[in-house]
Amino acid sequence: MKTLLCLFFIGILAATSGSGTLQAQKPVKVGDMYYRIQKDKTTVSIVGGDVRTTTFTIPSQVTIEGKTYPVERIENINKKWNKLQPRPWGNIVQKIIVPSSVKEIGDGAFYGQEELKEIVLPESITDIGYHAFGYCGIKAIDLSDTQISWLNMNCFSPHSLDSISLPKTLQNISTPVQD
């Protein structure tokens, strides 16, 4: 009886384990951009692409296989922070405009974009990940209209900003640990 009961539970675990895993979706190419459908299957992240203009506006939505998804997150095509893809947006873009559909800028989203000099962020931004702007050409950033309450300064590491405007919603700033 114990053996049968154990086999029953193992069968249930095997049957349900596929639906609850946290495996990342593979990026899907639409035009010159890459998107990742999120675990909730109702939103997408834009993960980079071949931007062929100096000013680029991230789309607020995208249609993949006949279904339209809002773009709620920007992230690096490689989700592992220690293996970030440099220049996920190509090597021409100097200004990126983020739509109000975006709530989060993930780890390494603009990592290595040395040509990127300006980013326009909407009020909807609530979170900026580690090294989101690492090795970027941005010297000033305006976060004053965002809804960020906690900011880890590693999001700008390893380069320094000349100026940063902080939001009124900010409650905590964390700085990188120095060796």
Foldseek 3Di string as FASTA:
>chain_A
DVVVVVVVVVVVCVVCVVLPDPDWAQWDDDPFWTWTQHNVNAAIETAAGADDAQEEEDDQWDADPNDIHGHAEAHHNDQPLVDGDAQRHHARHAEYEYDLSYAEYERCRHANNQNHAYYHDAQNHAYYYACSQENYVHQEYECQSHQHQEEEPRVHPPDHHPYYHHHPNHNYYHYDDDD
